[in-house]
Amino acid sequence: MSSLPLGNMPSKVTLVGALPGVHVARYVRFVRIISLLPSATEILFDLGLGSSVVAVTDECNYPPEASSLPVVSRCVLADQSLTPAEIDARVADVERSGESLYLIDPAMLDELRPDVIVTQDLCPVCALPASQAQQALHDARCSARVISLDPHSIDDVLRSIVDVGEQLGASLRAGELVSSLTARVDAVRRRAADLERIRVLALEWGDPPWGAGHWVPEMIEIAGGTPLLGEHGRDSRRVTWDDIADAAPEVVAFMPCSFGLDDAIDQARRLFDQDAFVRTPAAMGGRVFATDAESYFSRSGPRMVDGIEVLASIVHPEKFGDPSPSAARRITA
């Protein structure tokens, strides 16, 4: 019995711990994987590893098959009826206290005895941090390997797909998937290259307002826009309504973190309660869109490429056509 080879891993993917295993070609037949990150769940299923996933989080709802798997980790805010402002305040309180927004079931972890856990360290608000997963494994006396995916850019996301494939014996499928995704990104980039740059504000939260960071500004640039109040590869940041008015966006893509389209539509209507927002060119010109952030923008997985295509339709409908109503809706006062 030989150990699963680690290979040459880039800095964006961290593997911790040792996993007794067998040759890679046979490894994927019986490996037991727990995904603590919705985007990782999507990656695993897209790589044909869904049958090896034995548990997920309460937020792992795509593909549909993932919703039927046992839930080993839950967000403490999931069952609370909170307003966006209350959610923001609660998250801030948790961060100040050093607590976690996510709880893992130690009894289930002990029962499942996973070989691999996939999680992240990018954002403690978005999923169970790798350090907490490690502690849970220690408490359960489980020697599973922890794979931490921490992308900050589109290239990082694509690289993480390749890395997961290489580590779990699905490198061929990973290469095919990344090639297909890259081709779609390049197609949007080429079509938008000579178009007028439109000033785009991606709002990641509405009360209080947050400008989207990480990979979203890059997505906007590929789609033919100029991102406002957010920096490529940097954390999302809180802004003011005056900041938004001064930025004078021509298009607003409202993408409340981890919310689907219906909730985004409800929340987007409240943006027009702010006089500073109403004065923006986007609001006055009828170019404010609520989007399915949960599917296309919040998660650093394969459907991010769908998000780029959605943005291209929002920013340049004359070139890309109107966005699908299942992905984005125009919101007016």
Protein backbone atom coordinates (compact mmCIF):
# COMPACT_ATOMS: atom_id res chain seq x y z
CA MET A 1 0.00 0.00 0.00
CA SER A 2 1.55 3.30 -1.07
CA SER A 3 0.63 6.80 -0.01
CA LEU A 4 -1.33 9.06 -2.33
CA PRO A 5 1.27 11.34 -3.94
CA LEU A 6 1.02 15.03 -3.11
CA GLY A 7 2.61 16.33 -6.29
CA ASN A 8 3.66 19.94 -6.74
CA MET A 9 0.89 21.97 -5.14
CA PRO A 10 0.55 25.75 -5.75
CA SER A 11 0.19 28.11 -2.80
CA LYS A 12 -3.56 28.58 -3.29
CA VAL A 13 -4.30 24.97 -2.35
CA THR A 14 -3.09 23.66 0.99
CA LEU A 15 -3.12 20.01 1.99
CA VAL A 16 -2.68 19.11 5.61
CA GLY A 17 -2.10 15.68 7.12
CA ALA A 18 -1.26 12.28 5.76
CA LEU A 19 -3.67 9.92 4.07
CA PRO A 20 -2.88 6.20 3.96
CA GLY A 21 -4.13 5.08 0.57
CA VAL A 22 -3.37 3.15 -2.54
CA HIS A 23 -2.38 3.86 -6.10
CA VAL A 24 -4.21 6.87 -7.56
CA ALA A 25 -5.87 4.79 -10.27
CA ARG A 26 -7.70 2.76 -7.60
CA TYR A 27 -7.99 5.45 -4.95
CA VAL A 28 -11.15 7.15 -6.19
CA ARG A 29 -13.18 3.90 -6.02
CA PHE A 30 -13.51 3.95 -2.25
CA VAL A 31 -12.28 7.31 -0.98
CA ARG A 32 -14.76 9.02 1.34
CA ILE A 33 -14.98 12.79 0.89
CA ILE A 34 -16.72 15.41 3.01
CA SER A 35 -17.24 18.78 1.37
CA LEU A 36 -17.57 21.76 3.70
CA LEU A 37 -17.76 24.27 0.85
CA PRO A 38 -20.57 24.61 -1.72
CA SER A 39 -18.15 25.44 -4.54
CA ALA A 40 -16.05 22.38 -3.66
CA THR A 41 -19.17 20.23 -3.83
CA GLU A 42 -19.83 21.53 -7.34
CA ILE A 43 -16.24 20.86 -8.36
CA LEU A 44 -16.30 17.32 -6.98
CA PHE A 45 -19.51 16.44 -8.81
CA ASP A 46 -18.28 18.04 -12.05
CA LEU A 47 -15.17 15.89 -11.80
CA GLY A 48 -17.27 12.73 -11.55
CA LEU A 49 -16.49 12.27 -7.86
CA GLY A 50 -20.03 12.75 -6.58
CA SER A 51 -20.38 9.10 -5.59
CA SER A 52 -17.43 9.54 -3.23
CA VAL A 53 -18.97 12.51 -1.40
CA VAL A 54 -20.49 11.19 1.83
CA ALA A 55 -21.56 14.46 3.48
CA VAL A 56 -21.91 18.16 2.77
CA THR A 57 -23.08 21.40 4.42
CA ASP A 58 -26.59 22.78 4.70
CA GLU A 59 -25.66 25.27 1.95
CA CYS A 60 -24.59 22.66 -0.62
CA ASN A 61 -27.62 22.66 -2.92
CA TYR A 62 -26.00 22.18 -6.33
CA PRO A 63 -26.05 19.90 -8.18
CA PRO A 64 -29.49 18.75 -6.94
CA GLU A 65 -28.06 15.36 -5.92
CA ALA A 66 -25.99 17.10 -3.25
CA SER A 67 -29.13 18.17 -1.40
CA SER A 68 -29.91 14.54 -0.55
CA LEU A 69 -26.56 13.89 1.15
CA PRO A 70 -26.10 13.91 4.94
CA VAL A 71 -25.41 17.37 6.38
CA VAL A 72 -22.36 17.47 8.64
CA SER A 73 -21.95 21.25 8.97
CA ARG A 74 -24.52 24.02 9.42
CA CYS A 75 -24.47 27.80 9.49
CA VAL A 76 -25.67 29.15 12.84
CA LEU A 77 -27.69 31.84 11.03
CA ALA A 78 -29.50 29.43 8.72
CA ASP A 79 -32.67 29.02 10.78
CA GLN A 80 -32.96 32.64 11.88
CA SER A 81 -35.23 35.15 10.13
CA LEU A 82 -32.88 38.10 10.00
CA THR A 83 -32.83 41.23 7.89
CA PRO A 84 -29.68 42.00 5.84
CA ALA A 85 -28.68 44.61 8.45
CA GLU A 86 -29.15 42.10 11.26
CA ILE A 87 -27.11 39.49 9.38
CA ASP A 88 -24.29 42.00 8.88
CA ALA A 89 -24.32 42.93 12.57
CA ARG A 90 -24.38 39.28 13.67
CA VAL A 91 -21.47 38.40 11.38
CA ALA A 92 -19.48 41.35 12.76
CA ASP A 93 -20.18 40.20 16.33
CA VAL A 94 -19.04 36.66 15.55
CA GLU A 95 -15.84 37.89 13.90
CA ARG A 96 -15.01 40.11 16.89
CA SER A 97 -15.62 37.27 19.34
CA GLY A 98 -13.45 34.81 17.44
CA GLU A 99 -16.34 32.36 17.25
CA SER A 100 -17.45 30.62 14.07
CA LEU A 101 -20.60 30.92 12.00
CA TYR A 102 -20.39 27.19 11.23
CA LEU A 103 -20.85 24.16 13.41
CA ILE A 104 -19.70 20.67 12.53
CA ASP A 105 -21.35 17.54 13.90
CA PRO A 106 -18.60 15.57 15.70
CA ALA A 107 -20.72 12.44 16.06
CA MET A 108 -21.40 12.33 12.32
CA LEU A 109 -17.75 12.99 11.59
CA ASP A 110 -16.81 10.06 13.81
CA GLU A 111 -19.39 7.85 12.13
CA LEU A 112 -18.45 8.74 8.54
CA ARG A 113 -14.66 8.50 9.06
CA PRO A 114 -13.78 10.51 5.92
CA ASP A 115 -10.50 10.14 4.06
CA VAL A 116 -10.60 13.71 2.72
CA ILE A 117 -12.28 16.94 3.81
CA VAL A 118 -12.45 19.85 1.38
CA THR A 119 -12.93 23.33 2.84
CA GLN A 120 -11.42 26.84 2.66
CA ASP A 121 -9.57 29.57 4.54
CA LEU A 122 -10.47 32.44 2.22
CA CYS A 123 -13.40 33.78 4.24
CA PRO A 124 -14.53 32.66 7.72
CA VAL A 125 -18.01 34.00 6.89
CA CYS A 126 -18.42 31.75 3.85
CA ALA A 127 -17.59 28.27 5.15
CA LEU A 128 -15.97 26.35 7.96
CA PRO A 129 -12.28 27.39 8.11
CA ALA A 130 -9.65 24.71 7.60
CA SER A 131 -8.31 25.23 11.14
CA GLN A 132 -11.72 24.44 12.62
CA ALA A 133 -12.04 21.39 10.40
CA GLN A 134 -8.64 20.23 11.63
CA GLN A 135 -9.71 20.65 15.24
CA ALA A 136 -12.90 18.70 14.62
CA LEU A 137 -10.88 15.89 13.06
CA HIS A 138 -8.54 15.89 16.03
CA ASP A 139 -11.46 15.70 18.46
CA ALA A 140 -12.95 12.80 16.47
CA ARG A 141 -9.54 11.10 16.28
CA CYS A 142 -9.86 11.01 12.52
CA SER A 143 -6.77 11.24 10.31
CA ALA A 144 -8.45 12.61 7.18
CA ARG A 145 -6.55 14.94 4.91
CA VAL A 146 -7.82 18.53 4.72
CA ILE A 147 -7.73 20.24 1.34
CA SER A 148 -8.17 23.99 1.59
CA LEU A 149 -9.24 25.88 -1.54
CA ASP A 150 -8.49 29.60 -1.31
CA PRO A 151 -8.86 31.25 -4.73
CA HIS A 152 -8.67 35.02 -5.19
CA SER A 153 -8.97 35.16 -8.98
CA ILE A 154 -10.47 33.31 -11.90
CA ASP A 155 -7.13 31.67 -12.67
CA ASP A 156 -6.99 30.51 -9.05
CA VAL A 157 -10.44 28.95 -9.37
CA LEU A 158 -9.49 27.09 -12.53
CA ARG A 159 -6.22 25.99 -10.96
CA SER A 160 -8.06 24.67 -7.91
CA ILE A 161 -10.19 22.45 -10.16
CA VAL A 162 -7.02 20.99 -11.68
CA ASP A 163 -5.45 20.52 -8.26
CA VAL A 164 -8.47 18.72 -6.82
CA GLY A 165 -8.54 16.48 -9.88
CA GLU A 166 -4.86 15.65 -9.53
CA GLN A 167 -5.16 14.87 -5.83
CA LEU A 168 -8.24 12.69 -6.20
CA GLY A 169 -7.43 10.75 -9.35
CA ALA A 170 -9.57 12.76 -11.77
CA SER A 171 -6.88 14.77 -13.54
CA LEU A 172 -8.08 13.92 -17.05
CA ARG A 173 -11.62 15.09 -16.36
CA ALA A 174 -10.28 18.18 -14.57
CA GLY A 175 -8.18 19.12 -17.58
CA GLU A 176 -11.14 18.71 -19.92
CA LEU A 177 -13.39 20.77 -17.68
CA VAL A 178 -10.88 23.60 -17.29
CA SER A 179 -10.22 23.67 -21.03
CA SER A 180 -13.93 24.04 -21.69
CA LEU A 181 -14.36 26.76 -19.05
CA THR A 182 -11.30 28.65 -20.28
CA ALA A 183 -12.61 28.60 -23.85
CA ARG A 184 -15.88 30.16 -22.70
CA VAL A 185 -14.08 32.87 -20.72
CA ASP A 186 -11.86 33.67 -23.69
CA ALA A 187 -14.89 33.84 -26.00
CA VAL A 188 -16.52 36.51 -23.81
CA ARG A 189 -13.24 38.40 -23.49
CA ARG A 190 -12.76 38.51 -27.27
CA ARG A 191 -16.31 39.66 -27.99
CA ALA A 192 -16.12 42.40 -25.36
CA ALA A 193 -12.60 43.58 -26.18
CA ASP A 194 -13.57 46.41 -28.52
CA LEU A 195 -16.76 47.49 -26.76
CA GLU A 196 -17.21 50.65 -24.75
CA ARG A 197 -16.19 50.17 -21.13
CA ILE A 198 -19.28 50.56 -18.95
CA ARG A 199 -18.94 51.64 -15.31
CA VAL A 200 -20.25 48.71 -13.25
CA LEU A 201 -20.89 48.49 -9.54
CA ALA A 202 -21.17 44.97 -8.15
CA LEU A 203 -22.92 45.27 -4.79
CA GLU A 204 -22.27 42.25 -2.59
CA TRP A 205 -24.57 43.46 0.17
CA GLY A 206 -27.22 46.15 0.42
CA ASP A 207 -27.66 47.01 4.10
CA PRO A 208 -25.02 48.23 4.68
CA PRO A 209 -23.62 48.38 1.15
CA TRP A 210 -20.51 46.35 0.31
CA GLY A 211 -18.55 46.49 -2.93
CA ALA A 212 -17.65 43.05 -4.28
CA GLY A 213 -13.99 42.05 -4.40
CA HIS A 214 -12.00 38.85 -4.98
CA TRP A 215 -12.80 37.54 -8.47
CA VAL A 216 -15.84 39.75 -9.23
CA PRO A 217 -13.96 42.83 -10.52
CA GLU A 218 -12.09 40.57 -12.93
CA MET A 219 -15.38 39.06 -14.08
CA ILE A 220 -16.67 42.57 -14.81
CA GLU A 221 -13.56 43.44 -16.82
CA ILE A 222 -13.86 40.31 -18.95
CA ALA A 223 -17.53 41.16 -19.57
CA GLY A 224 -16.64 44.58 -20.92
CA GLY A 225 -17.05 46.74 -17.84
CA THR A 226 -15.00 48.90 -15.52
CA PRO A 227 -15.42 47.67 -11.91
CA LEU A 228 -16.19 50.26 -9.23
CA LEU A 229 -15.61 50.13 -5.45
CA GLY A 230 -13.96 46.73 -5.57
CA GLU A 231 -10.43 45.56 -6.31
CA HIS A 232 -9.33 42.46 -8.18
CA GLY A 233 -8.00 39.87 -5.75
CA ARG A 234 -8.78 41.93 -2.66
CA ASP A 235 -11.44 41.41 0.00
CA SER A 236 -14.88 42.86 -0.50
CA ARG A 237 -15.25 46.12 1.41
CA ARG A 238 -17.91 48.16 3.09
CA VAL A 239 -18.78 51.41 1.32
CA THR A 240 -21.19 54.29 1.88
CA TRP A 241 -24.12 55.48 -0.17
CA ASP A 242 -22.16 58.67 -0.86
CA ASP A 243 -19.31 56.51 -2.21
CA ILE A 244 -21.80 54.90 -4.56
CA ALA A 245 -23.21 58.24 -5.69
CA ASP A 246 -19.70 59.58 -6.30
CA ALA A 247 -18.74 56.49 -8.29
CA ALA A 248 -21.69 57.14 -10.63
CA PRO A 249 -22.20 53.57 -11.86
CA GLU A 250 -23.91 53.13 -15.20
CA VAL A 251 -24.87 49.57 -14.30
CA VAL A 252 -25.46 48.01 -10.89
CA ALA A 253 -25.31 44.24 -10.47
CA PHE A 254 -26.74 43.42 -7.07
CA MET A 255 -25.36 40.09 -5.87
CA PRO A 256 -26.05 39.65 -2.14
CA CYS A 257 -23.58 37.07 -0.92
CA SER A 258 -24.96 33.51 -0.88
CA PHE A 259 -28.52 34.57 -1.75
CA GLY A 260 -30.53 33.30 -4.69
CA LEU A 261 -32.44 35.38 -7.21
CA ASP A 262 -35.78 35.68 -5.40
CA ASP A 263 -34.17 37.04 -2.24
CA ALA A 264 -31.93 39.32 -4.31
CA ILE A 265 -34.98 40.79 -6.06
CA ASP A 266 -36.69 41.53 -2.73
CA GLN A 267 -33.56 43.14 -1.31
CA ALA A 268 -32.74 45.09 -4.47
CA ARG A 269 -36.02 46.98 -4.32
CA ARG A 270 -34.89 48.49 -1.00
CA LEU A 271 -31.85 50.05 -2.67
CA PHE A 272 -34.20 52.66 -4.11
CA ASP A 273 -35.02 53.84 -0.59
CA GLN A 274 -31.62 55.56 -0.63
CA ASP A 275 -31.62 58.98 -2.29
CA ALA A 276 -27.93 58.67 -3.15
CA PHE A 277 -28.61 55.43 -4.99
CA VAL A 278 -31.61 56.83 -6.85
CA ARG A 279 -29.37 59.59 -8.22
CA THR A 280 -26.93 57.18 -9.89
CA PRO A 281 -26.96 56.88 -13.68
CA ALA A 282 -27.76 53.17 -13.27
CA ALA A 283 -30.91 53.82 -11.25
CA MET A 284 -32.03 56.71 -13.43
CA GLY A 285 -31.35 54.73 -16.60
CA GLY A 286 -33.12 51.54 -15.48
CA ARG A 287 -29.94 49.46 -15.40
CA VAL A 288 -30.08 47.96 -11.92
CA PHE A 289 -30.12 44.16 -11.90
CA ALA A 290 -30.69 41.64 -9.13
CA THR A 291 -28.73 38.46 -9.76
CA ASP A 292 -28.57 34.87 -8.58
CA ALA A 293 -25.43 35.45 -6.53
CA GLU A 294 -25.55 32.03 -4.89
CA SER A 295 -25.21 30.31 -8.25
CA TYR A 296 -22.93 32.59 -10.24
CA PHE A 297 -20.92 35.01 -8.09
CA SER A 298 -20.51 34.01 -4.43
CA ARG A 299 -19.14 30.52 -5.10
CA SER A 300 -15.70 30.03 -6.58
CA GLY A 301 -16.61 27.06 -8.73
CA PRO A 302 -17.30 26.16 -12.37
CA ARG A 303 -20.51 28.19 -12.58
CA MET A 304 -18.49 31.35 -12.12
CA VAL A 305 -18.03 31.20 -15.89
CA ASP A 306 -21.81 31.31 -16.25
CA GLY A 307 -21.60 34.43 -14.08
CA ILE A 308 -19.21 36.08 -16.53
CA GLU A 309 -21.69 35.38 -19.33
CA VAL A 310 -24.53 36.80 -17.20
CA LEU A 311 -22.53 39.96 -16.56
CA ALA A 312 -21.75 40.32 -20.25
CA SER A 313 -25.49 40.28 -20.99
CA ILE A 314 -26.15 42.84 -18.25
CA VAL A 315 -23.35 45.17 -19.32
CA HIS A 316 -23.56 44.78 -23.11
CA PRO A 317 -26.99 43.40 -24.09
CA GLU A 318 -26.52 44.86 -27.57
CA LYS A 319 -23.71 42.35 -28.10
CA PHE A 320 -24.61 39.42 -25.83
CA GLY A 321 -28.40 39.62 -25.63
CA ASP A 322 -30.48 40.11 -22.51
CA PRO A 323 -29.64 37.98 -19.45
CA SER A 324 -31.72 34.93 -18.73
CA PRO A 325 -34.57 35.83 -16.34
CA SER A 326 -33.53 32.86 -14.19
CA ALA A 327 -30.12 34.49 -13.65
CA ALA A 328 -30.80 38.25 -13.42
CA ARG A 329 -33.79 40.59 -13.33
CA ARG A 330 -34.01 44.31 -14.00
CA ILE A 331 -35.19 46.24 -10.92
CA THR A 332 -36.79 49.67 -11.06
CA ALA A 333 -38.11 52.05 -8.42
